[in-house]
């Protein structure tokens, strides 16, 4: 996510800016709180990405972490942060 934010060429992060293009990006993004043009908070995007990766891998955490291109320890910490089981 950090990399996507840093490399984003506009002020709004878009699905095309995300590094995990193999995830089904057709899945709906979380609802925006401030309207359709408001940017997503990073926490919402991270939680969404983790859930999509887990869905894509059938709940296999190690594969989901690889899909997101992060190490498993960081993935596990993020899951705990968002209460994902």
PDB file of N, CA and C in Angstrom:
ATOM      1  N   UNK A   1       0.817  -1.177   0.000  1.00  0.00           N
ATOM      2  CA  UNK A   1       0.000   0.000   0.000  1.00  0.00           C
ATOM      3  C   UNK A   1       0.869   1.253   0.000  1.00  0.00           C
ATOM      4  N   UNK A   2       1.901   1.232   0.813  1.00  0.00           N
ATOM      5  CA  UNK A   2       2.780   2.397   0.849  1.00  0.00           C
ATOM      6  C   UNK A   2       3.337   2.704  -0.532  1.00  0.00           C
ATOM      7  N   UNK A   3       3.780   1.635  -1.194  1.00  0.00           N
ATOM      8  CA  UNK A   3       4.359   1.793  -2.520  1.00  0.00           C
ATOM      9  C   UNK A   3       3.321   2.394  -3.470  1.00  0.00           C
ATOM     10  N   UNK A   4       2.091   1.904  -3.403  1.00  0.00           N
ATOM     11  CA  UNK A   4       1.034   2.425  -4.274  1.00  0.00           C
ATOM     12  C   UNK A   4       0.795   3.902  -3.999  1.00  0.00           C
ATOM     13  N   UNK A   5       0.764   4.282  -2.725  1.00  0.00           N
ATOM     14  CA  UNK A   5       0.547   5.679  -2.362  1.00  0.00           C
ATOM     15  C   UNK A   5       1.704   6.539  -2.862  1.00  0.00           C
ATOM     16  N   UNK A   6       2.919   6.061  -2.687  1.00  0.00           N
ATOM     17  CA  UNK A   6       4.081   6.845  -3.098  1.00  0.00           C
ATOM     18  C   UNK A   6       4.187   6.984  -4.612  1.00  0.00           C
ATOM     19  N   UNK A   7       3.793   5.940  -5.334  1.00  0.00           N
ATOM     20  CA  UNK A   7       3.936   5.957  -6.786  1.00  0.00           C
ATOM     21  C   UNK A   7       2.719   6.508  -7.510  1.00  0.00           C
ATOM     22  N   UNK A   8       1.652   6.752  -6.787  1.00  0.00           N
ATOM     23  CA  UNK A   8       0.428   7.271  -7.396  1.00  0.00           C
ATOM     24  C   UNK A   8       0.711   8.645  -8.002  1.00  0.00           C
ATOM     25  N   UNK A   9       0.272   8.835  -9.245  1.00  0.00           N
ATOM     26  CA  UNK A   9       0.551  10.081  -9.941  1.00  0.00           C
ATOM     27  C   UNK A   9      -0.512  11.158  -9.713  1.00  0.00           C
ATOM     28  N   UNK A  10      -1.602  10.810  -9.055  1.00  0.00           N
ATOM     29  CA  UNK A  10      -2.654  11.779  -8.777  1.00  0.00           C
ATOM     30  C   UNK A  10      -2.869  11.859  -7.274  1.00  0.00           C
ATOM     31  N   UNK A  11      -3.786  12.713  -6.858  1.00  0.00           N
ATOM     32  CA  UNK A  11      -4.051  12.854  -5.426  1.00  0.00           C
ATOM     33  C   UNK A  11      -5.040  11.813  -4.914  1.00  0.00           C
ATOM     34  N   UNK A  12      -5.609  11.026  -5.824  1.00  0.00           N
ATOM     35  CA  UNK A  12      -6.573   9.993  -5.441  1.00  0.00           C
ATOM     36  C   UNK A  12      -6.038   8.634  -5.859  1.00  0.00           C
ATOM     37  N   UNK A  13      -5.961   7.715  -4.915  1.00  0.00           N
ATOM     38  CA  UNK A  13      -5.508   6.361  -5.192  1.00  0.00           C
ATOM     39  C   UNK A  13      -6.619   5.606  -5.895  1.00  0.00           C
ATOM     40  N   UNK A  14      -6.294   4.979  -7.015  1.00  0.00           N
ATOM     41  CA  UNK A  14      -7.268   4.244  -7.810  1.00  0.00           C
ATOM     42  C   UNK A  14      -6.873   2.774  -7.819  1.00  0.00           C
ATOM     43  N   UNK A  15      -7.794   1.900  -8.185  1.00  0.00           N
ATOM     44  CA  UNK A  15      -7.512   0.463  -8.221  1.00  0.00           C
ATOM     45  C   UNK A  15      -6.328   0.156  -9.125  1.00  0.00           C
ATOM     46  N   UNK A  16      -6.168   0.907 -10.183  1.00  0.00           N
ATOM     47  CA  UNK A  16      -5.051   0.677 -11.105  1.00  0.00           C
ATOM     48  C   UNK A  16      -3.701   0.965 -10.465  1.00  0.00           C
ATOM     49  N   UNK A  17      -3.683   1.728  -9.386  1.00  0.00           N
ATOM     50  CA  UNK A  17      -2.435   2.063  -8.692  1.00  0.00           C
ATOM     51  C   UNK A  17      -1.990   0.966  -7.732  1.00  0.00           C
ATOM     52  N   UNK A  18      -2.871   0.028  -7.447  1.00  0.00           N
ATOM     53  CA  UNK A  18      -2.566  -1.010  -6.465  1.00  0.00           C
ATOM     54  C   UNK A  18      -1.658  -2.068  -7.057  1.00  0.00           C
ATOM     55  N   UNK A  19      -0.709  -2.588  -6.264  1.00  0.00           N
ATOM     56  CA  UNK A  19       0.300  -3.508  -6.790  1.00  0.00           C
ATOM     57  C   UNK A  19      -0.181  -4.935  -7.001  1.00  0.00           C
ATOM     58  N   UNK A  20      -1.344  -5.293  -6.535  1.00  0.00           N
ATOM     59  CA  UNK A  20      -1.787  -6.674  -6.616  1.00  0.00           C
ATOM     60  C   UNK A  20      -2.821  -6.844  -7.712  1.00  0.00           C
ATOM     61  N   UNK A  21      -2.370  -6.686  -8.934  1.00  0.00           N
ATOM     62  CA  UNK A  21      -3.284  -6.720 -10.062  1.00  0.00           C
ATOM     63  C   UNK A  21      -3.918  -8.084 -10.279  1.00  0.00           C
ATOM     64  N   UNK A  22      -3.374  -9.137  -9.673  1.00  0.00           N
ATOM     65  CA  UNK A  22      -3.957 -10.469  -9.866  1.00  0.00           C
ATOM     66  C   UNK A  22      -5.192 -10.691  -9.005  1.00  0.00           C
ATOM     67  N   UNK A  23      -5.482  -9.784  -8.080  1.00  0.00           N
ATOM     68  CA  UNK A  23      -6.697  -9.874  -7.280  1.00  0.00           C
ATOM     69  C   UNK A  23      -7.860  -9.403  -8.138  1.00  0.00           C
ATOM     70  N   UNK A  24      -9.010  -9.964  -7.937  1.00  0.00           N
ATOM     71  CA  UNK A  24     -10.200  -9.586  -8.698  1.00  0.00           C
ATOM     72  C   UNK A  24     -10.600  -8.164  -8.340  1.00  0.00           C
ATOM     73  N   UNK A  25     -10.191  -7.217  -9.152  1.00  0.00           N
ATOM     74  CA  UNK A  25     -10.491  -5.826  -8.871  1.00  0.00           C
ATOM     75  C   UNK A  25     -11.910  -5.455  -9.283  1.00  0.00           C
ATOM     76  N   UNK A  26     -12.652  -6.393  -9.831  1.00  0.00           N
ATOM     77  CA  UNK A  26     -14.048  -6.137 -10.154  1.00  0.00           C
ATOM     78  C   UNK A  26     -14.909  -6.192  -8.899  1.00  0.00           C
ATOM     79  N   UNK A  27     -14.368  -6.748  -7.821  1.00  0.00           N
ATOM     80  CA  UNK A  27     -15.113  -6.805  -6.563  1.00  0.00           C
ATOM     81  C   UNK A  27     -15.359  -5.381  -6.093  1.00  0.00           C
ATOM     82  N   UNK A  28     -16.521  -5.134  -5.518  1.00  0.00           N
ATOM     83  CA  UNK A  28     -16.810  -3.760  -5.095  1.00  0.00           C
ATOM     84  C   UNK A  28     -15.885  -3.298  -3.977  1.00  0.00           C
ATOM     85  N   UNK A  29     -15.452  -2.063  -4.093  1.00  0.00           N
ATOM     86  CA  UNK A  29     -14.673  -1.453  -3.025  1.00  0.00           C
ATOM     87  C   UNK A  29     -15.606  -1.129  -1.871  1.00  0.00           C
ATOM     88  N   UNK A  30     -15.061  -0.922  -0.683  1.00  0.00           N
ATOM     89  CA  UNK A  30     -15.926  -0.555   0.445  1.00  0.00           C
ATOM     90  C   UNK A  30     -16.636   0.768   0.172  1.00  0.00           C
ATOM     91  N   UNK A  31     -17.756   0.958   0.808  1.00  0.00           N
ATOM     92  CA  UNK A  31     -18.512   2.196   0.631  1.00  0.00           C
ATOM     93  C   UNK A  31     -17.703   3.383   1.146  1.00  0.00           C
ATOM     94  N   UNK A  32     -17.729   4.446   0.428  1.00  0.00           N
ATOM     95  CA  UNK A  32     -17.047   5.678   0.846  1.00  0.00           C
ATOM     96  C   UNK A  32     -17.964   6.448   1.779  1.00  0.00           C
ATOM     97  N   UNK A  33     -17.387   6.975   2.819  1.00  0.00           N
ATOM     98  CA  UNK A  33     -18.190   7.689   3.817  1.00  0.00           C
ATOM     99  C   UNK A  33     -18.606   9.085   3.359  1.00  0.00           C
ATOM    100  N   UNK A  34     -17.792   9.747   2.549  1.00  0.00           N
ATOM    101  CA  UNK A  34     -18.032  11.155   2.234  1.00  0.00           C
ATOM    102  C   UNK A  34     -18.536  11.374   0.811  1.00  0.00           C
ATOM    103  N   UNK A  35     -18.921  10.349   0.123  1.00  0.00           N
ATOM    104  CA  UNK A  35     -19.420  10.512  -1.240  1.00  0.00           C
ATOM    105  C   UNK A  35     -18.509   9.869  -2.262  1.00  0.00           C
ATOM    106  N   UNK A  36     -18.991   9.787  -3.466  1.00  0.00           N
ATOM    107  CA  UNK A  36     -18.307   9.050  -4.525  1.00  0.00           C
ATOM    108  C   UNK A  36     -16.946   9.618  -4.899  1.00  0.00           C
ATOM    109  N   UNK A  37     -16.726  10.909  -4.739  1.00  0.00           N
ATOM    110  CA  UNK A  37     -15.459  11.500  -5.135  1.00  0.00           C
ATOM    111  C   UNK A  37     -14.425  11.564  -4.016  1.00  0.00           C
ATOM    112  N   UNK A  38     -14.811  11.160  -2.825  1.00  0.00           N
ATOM    113  CA  UNK A  38     -13.882  11.220  -1.692  1.00  0.00           C
ATOM    114  C   UNK A  38     -12.864  10.094  -1.796  1.00  0.00           C
ATOM    115  N   UNK A  39     -11.614  10.355  -1.447  1.00  0.00           N
ATOM    116  CA  UNK A  39     -10.610   9.278  -1.456  1.00  0.00           C
ATOM    117  C   UNK A  39     -10.873   8.284  -0.331  1.00  0.00           C
ATOM    118  N   UNK A  40     -10.383   7.079  -0.497  1.00  0.00           N
ATOM    119  CA  UNK A  40     -10.520   6.061   0.544  1.00  0.00           C
ATOM    120  C   UNK A  40      -9.429   6.252   1.586  1.00  0.00           C
ATOM    121  N   UNK A  41      -9.768   6.107   2.859  1.00  0.00           N
ATOM    122  CA  UNK A  41      -8.719   6.056   3.882  1.00  0.00           C
ATOM    123  C   UNK A  41      -7.880   4.796   3.660  1.00  0.00           C
ATOM    124  N   UNK A  42      -6.601   4.889   3.916  1.00  0.00           N
ATOM    125  CA  UNK A  42      -5.688   3.775   3.694  1.00  0.00           C
ATOM    126  C   UNK A  42      -6.124   2.531   4.460  1.00  0.00           C
ATOM    127  N   UNK A  43      -6.607   2.694   5.695  1.00  0.00           N
ATOM    128  CA  UNK A  43      -7.040   1.540   6.480  1.00  0.00           C
ATOM    129  C   UNK A  43      -8.155   0.767   5.785  1.00  0.00           C
ATOM    130  N   UNK A  44      -9.097   1.476   5.180  1.00  0.00           N
ATOM    131  CA  UNK A  44     -10.188   0.798   4.479  1.00  0.00           C
ATOM    132  C   UNK A  44      -9.671   0.019   3.280  1.00  0.00           C
ATOM    133  N   UNK A  45      -8.733   0.601   2.547  1.00  0.00           N
ATOM    134  CA  UNK A  45      -8.172  -0.090   1.388  1.00  0.00           C
ATOM    135  C   UNK A  45      -7.372  -1.319   1.803  1.00  0.00           C
ATOM    136  N   UNK A  46      -6.603  -1.200   2.889  1.00  0.00           N
ATOM    137  CA  UNK A  46      -5.833  -2.353   3.365  1.00  0.00           C
ATOM    138  C   UNK A  46      -6.754  -3.491   3.773  1.00  0.00           C
ATOM    139  N   UNK A  47      -7.783  -3.164   4.537  1.00  0.00           N
ATOM    140  CA  UNK A  47      -8.715  -4.199   4.981  1.00  0.00           C
ATOM    141  C   UNK A  47      -9.405  -4.855   3.782  1.00  0.00           C
ATOM    142  N   UNK A  48      -9.818  -4.059   2.822  1.00  0.00           N
ATOM    143  CA  UNK A  48     -10.451  -4.574   1.613  1.00  0.00           C
ATOM    144  C   UNK A  48      -9.496  -5.507   0.870  1.00  0.00           C
ATOM    145  N   UNK A  49      -8.242  -5.064   0.711  1.00  0.00           N
ATOM    146  CA  UNK A  49      -7.261  -5.861  -0.026  1.00  0.00           C
ATOM    147  C   UNK A  49      -6.991  -7.191   0.675  1.00  0.00           C
ATOM    148  N   UNK A  50      -6.899  -7.175   1.979  1.00  0.00           N
ATOM    149  CA  UNK A  50      -6.662  -8.414   2.738  1.00  0.00           C
ATOM    150  C   UNK A  50      -7.836  -9.367   2.559  1.00  0.00           C
ATOM    151  N   UNK A  51      -9.045  -8.844   2.688  1.00  0.00           N
ATOM    152  CA  UNK A  51     -10.225  -9.691   2.513  1.00  0.00           C
ATOM    153  C   UNK A  51     -10.318 -10.258   1.102  1.00  0.00           C
ATOM    154  N   UNK A  52     -10.014  -9.451   0.092  1.00  0.00           N
ATOM    155  CA  UNK A  52     -10.046  -9.937  -1.298  1.00  0.00           C
ATOM    156  C   UNK A  52      -8.980 -11.004  -1.519  1.00  0.00           C
ATOM    157  N   UNK A  53      -7.794 -10.796  -0.963  1.00  0.00           N
ATOM    158  CA  UNK A  53      -6.727 -11.785  -1.125  1.00  0.00           C
ATOM    159  C   UNK A  53      -7.109 -13.099  -0.453  1.00  0.00           C
ATOM    160  N   UNK A  54      -7.708 -13.014   0.720  1.00  0.00           N
ATOM    161  CA  UNK A  54      -8.130 -14.237   1.413  1.00  0.00           C
ATOM    162  C   UNK A  54      -9.230 -14.954   0.635  1.00  0.00           C
ATOM    163  N   UNK A  55     -10.143 -14.203   0.069  1.00  0.00           N
ATOM    164  CA  UNK A  55     -11.199 -14.803  -0.751  1.00  0.00           C
ATOM    165  C   UNK A  55     -10.586 -15.481  -1.973  1.00  0.00           C
ATOM    166  N   UNK A  56      -9.692 -14.790  -2.605  1.00  0.00           N
ATOM    167  CA  UNK A  56      -9.047 -15.302  -3.831  1.00  0.00           C
ATOM    168  C   UNK A  56      -8.255 -16.581  -3.568  1.00  0.00           C
ATOM    169  N   UNK A  57      -7.664 -16.690  -2.382  1.00  0.00           N
ATOM    170  CA  UNK A  57      -6.825 -17.858  -2.062  1.00  0.00           C
ATOM    171  C   UNK A  57      -7.576 -18.906  -1.248  1.00  0.00           C
ATOM    172  N   UNK A  58      -8.879 -18.741  -1.089  1.00  0.00           N
ATOM    173  CA  UNK A  58      -9.653 -19.715  -0.324  1.00  0.00           C
ATOM    174  C   UNK A  58      -9.294 -19.722   1.153  1.00  0.00           C
ATOM    175  N   UNK A  59      -8.887 -18.565   1.680  1.00  0.00           N
ATOM    176  CA  UNK A  59      -8.567 -18.442   3.097  1.00  0.00           C
ATOM    177  C   UNK A  59      -7.144 -18.840   3.458  1.00  0.00           C
ATOM    178  N   UNK A  60      -6.335 -19.145   2.489  1.00  0.00           N
ATOM    179  CA  UNK A  60      -4.940 -19.538   2.750  1.00  0.00           C
ATOM    180  C   UNK A  60      -4.098 -18.284   2.972  1.00  0.00           C
ATOM    181  N   UNK A  61      -3.736 -18.074   4.225  1.00  0.00           N
ATOM    182  CA  UNK A  61      -3.077 -16.835   4.630  1.00  0.00           C
ATOM    183  C   UNK A  61      -1.714 -16.627   3.979  1.00  0.00           C
ATOM    184  N   UNK A  62      -0.920 -17.678   3.920  1.00  0.00           N
ATOM    185  CA  UNK A  62       0.421 -17.555   3.347  1.00  0.00           C
ATOM    186  C   UNK A  62       0.338 -17.152   1.872  1.00  0.00           C
ATOM    187  N   UNK A  63      -0.580 -17.764   1.150  1.00  0.00           N
ATOM    188  CA  UNK A  63      -0.756 -17.426  -0.265  1.00  0.00           C
ATOM    189  C   UNK A  63      -1.310 -16.008  -0.417  1.00  0.00           C
ATOM    190  N   UNK A  64      -2.203 -15.623   0.479  1.00  0.00           N
ATOM    191  CA  UNK A  64      -2.767 -14.268   0.429  1.00  0.00           C
ATOM    192  C   UNK A  64      -1.668 -13.225   0.650  1.00  0.00           C
ATOM    193  N   UNK A  65      -0.780 -13.487   1.589  1.00  0.00           N
ATOM    194  CA  UNK A  65       0.335 -12.573   1.843  1.00  0.00           C
ATOM    195  C   UNK A  65       1.218 -12.456   0.600  1.00  0.00           C
ATOM    196  N   UNK A  66       1.493 -13.570  -0.046  1.00  0.00           N
ATOM    197  CA  UNK A  66       2.300 -13.554  -1.274  1.00  0.00           C
ATOM    198  C   UNK A  66       1.583 -12.781  -2.372  1.00  0.00           C
ATOM    199  N   UNK A  67       0.282 -12.972  -2.478  1.00  0.00           N
ATOM    200  CA  UNK A  67      -0.500 -12.268  -3.488  1.00  0.00           C
ATOM    201  C   UNK A  67      -0.410 -10.761  -3.290  1.00  0.00           C
ATOM    202  N   UNK A  68      -0.376 -10.331  -2.036  1.00  0.00           N
ATOM    203  CA  UNK A  68      -0.272  -8.906  -1.711  1.00  0.00           C
ATOM    204  C   UNK A  68       1.171  -8.400  -1.692  1.00  0.00           C
ATOM    205  N   UNK A  69       2.094  -9.337  -1.892  1.00  0.00           N
ATOM    206  CA  UNK A  69       3.520  -9.008  -1.918  1.00  0.00           C
ATOM    207  C   UNK A  69       4.011  -8.415  -0.601  1.00  0.00           C
ATOM    208  N   UNK A  70       3.543  -9.006   0.517  1.00  0.00           N
ATOM    209  CA  UNK A  70       4.043  -8.625   1.838  1.00  0.00           C
ATOM    210  C   UNK A  70       4.422  -9.901   2.584  1.00  0.00           C
ATOM    211  N   UNK A  71       5.304  -9.762   3.570  1.00  0.00           N
ATOM    212  CA  UNK A  71       5.704 -10.951   4.317  1.00  0.00           C
ATOM    213  C   UNK A  71       4.568 -11.398   5.245  1.00  0.00           C
ATOM    214  N   UNK A  72       4.619 -12.662   5.628  1.00  0.00           N
ATOM    215  CA  UNK A  72       3.519 -13.251   6.385  1.00  0.00           C
ATOM    216  C   UNK A  72       3.333 -12.582   7.747  1.00  0.00           C
ATOM    217  N   UNK A  73       4.415 -12.212   8.408  1.00  0.00           N
ATOM    218  CA  UNK A  73       4.288 -11.572   9.724  1.00  0.00           C
ATOM    219  C   UNK A  73       3.517 -10.259   9.626  1.00  0.00           C
ATOM    220  N   UNK A  74       3.844  -9.474   8.631  1.00  0.00           N
ATOM    221  CA  UNK A  74       3.134  -8.205   8.440  1.00  0.00           C
ATOM    222  C   UNK A  74       1.666  -8.477   8.112  1.00  0.00           C
ATOM    223  N   UNK A  75       1.410  -9.474   7.263  1.00  0.00           N
ATOM    224  CA  UNK A  75       0.042  -9.846   6.907  1.00  0.00           C
ATOM    225  C   UNK A  75      -0.740 -10.246   8.153  1.00  0.00           C
ATOM    226  N   UNK A  76      -0.126 -11.043   9.002  1.00  0.00           N
ATOM    227  CA  UNK A  76      -0.771 -11.503  10.235  1.00  0.00           C
ATOM    228  C   UNK A  76      -1.089 -10.322  11.159  1.00  0.00           C
ATOM    229  N   UNK A  77      -0.156  -9.373  11.286  1.00  0.00           N
ATOM    230  CA  UNK A  77      -0.397  -8.183  12.111  1.00  0.00           C
ATOM    231  C   UNK A  77      -1.558  -7.355  11.562  1.00  0.00           C
ATOM    232  N   UNK A  78      -1.612  -7.219  10.249  1.00  0.00           N
ATOM    233  CA  UNK A  78      -2.699  -6.457   9.641  1.00  0.00           C
ATOM    234  C   UNK A  78      -4.044  -7.155   9.876  1.00  0.00           C
ATOM    235  N   UNK A  79      -4.068  -8.472   9.779  1.00  0.00           N
ATOM    236  CA  UNK A  79      -5.304  -9.218  10.023  1.00  0.00           C
ATOM    237  C   UNK A  79      -5.789  -8.958  11.450  1.00  0.00           C
ATOM    238  N   UNK A  80      -4.871  -8.991  12.405  1.00  0.00           N
ATOM    239  CA  UNK A  80      -5.232  -8.734  13.804  1.00  0.00           C
ATOM    240  C   UNK A  80      -5.724  -7.298  13.966  1.00  0.00           C
ATOM    241  N   UNK A  81      -5.057  -6.362  13.317  1.00  0.00           N
ATOM    242  CA  UNK A  81      -5.422  -4.951  13.399  1.00  0.00           C
ATOM    243  C   UNK A  81      -6.875  -4.727  12.961  1.00  0.00           C
ATOM    244  N   UNK A  82      -7.284  -5.426  11.920  1.00  0.00           N
ATOM    245  CA  UNK A  82      -8.626  -5.248  11.367  1.00  0.00           C
ATOM    246  C   UNK A  82      -9.635  -6.271  11.881  1.00  0.00           C
ATOM    247  N   UNK A  83      -9.188  -7.142  12.774  1.00  0.00           N
ATOM    248  CA  UNK A  83     -10.106  -8.133  13.353  1.00  0.00           C
ATOM    249  C   UNK A  83     -10.553  -9.180  12.351  1.00  0.00           C
ATOM    250  N   UNK A  84      -9.712  -9.484  11.384  1.00  0.00           N
ATOM    251  CA  UNK A  84     -10.032 -10.485  10.368  1.00  0.00           C
ATOM    252  C   UNK A  84      -9.593 -11.850  10.873  1.00  0.00           C
ATOM    253  N   UNK A  85     -10.503 -12.801  10.865  1.00  0.00           N
ATOM    254  CA  UNK A  85     -10.166 -14.158  11.351  1.00  0.00           C
ATOM    255  C   UNK A  85     -10.194 -15.161  10.242  1.00  0.00           C
TER     256      UNK A  85
END
